[in-house]
Protein backbone atom coordinates (compact mmCIF):
# COMPACT_ATOMS: atom_id res chain seq x y z
CA MET A 1 34.36 25.53 -37.69
CA PRO A 2 33.64 24.71 -41.36
CA ALA A 3 30.01 24.32 -42.28
CA HIS A 4 30.51 20.62 -43.04
CA PRO A 5 33.71 19.18 -41.74
CA ASP A 6 34.93 16.05 -43.65
CA GLY A 7 33.19 13.00 -42.65
CA LEU A 8 30.23 14.56 -40.90
CA THR A 9 26.67 14.82 -42.01
CA LYS A 10 24.54 17.92 -41.78
CA ARG A 11 22.73 16.40 -38.78
CA GLU A 12 25.92 15.45 -37.03
CA VAL A 13 27.20 19.07 -37.38
CA GLN A 14 23.82 20.35 -36.15
CA VAL A 15 23.89 18.16 -33.06
CA LEU A 16 27.57 19.17 -32.34
CA ASN A 17 26.51 22.92 -32.47
CA ILE A 18 23.57 22.17 -30.25
CA VAL A 19 25.79 20.38 -27.70
CA ALA A 20 28.25 23.28 -27.86
CA ASP A 21 25.38 25.59 -26.78
CA GLY A 22 24.97 23.49 -23.63
CA LYS A 23 21.61 21.86 -24.63
CA THR A 24 20.47 18.60 -22.97
CA SER A 25 20.01 15.30 -24.73
CA GLN A 26 16.16 15.88 -24.54
CA GLU A 27 16.51 19.34 -26.12
CA ILE A 28 18.69 17.77 -28.98
CA ALA A 29 15.96 15.09 -29.55
CA GLU A 30 13.34 17.85 -30.10
CA TYR A 31 15.34 19.43 -32.97
């Protein structure tokens, strides 16, 4: 996956990576 796919912010990419790691919504909120 490119570092910053077109149309996504840094934060959106970060959240997608966290979700891909299997983190919960609460864990994502803590980042």
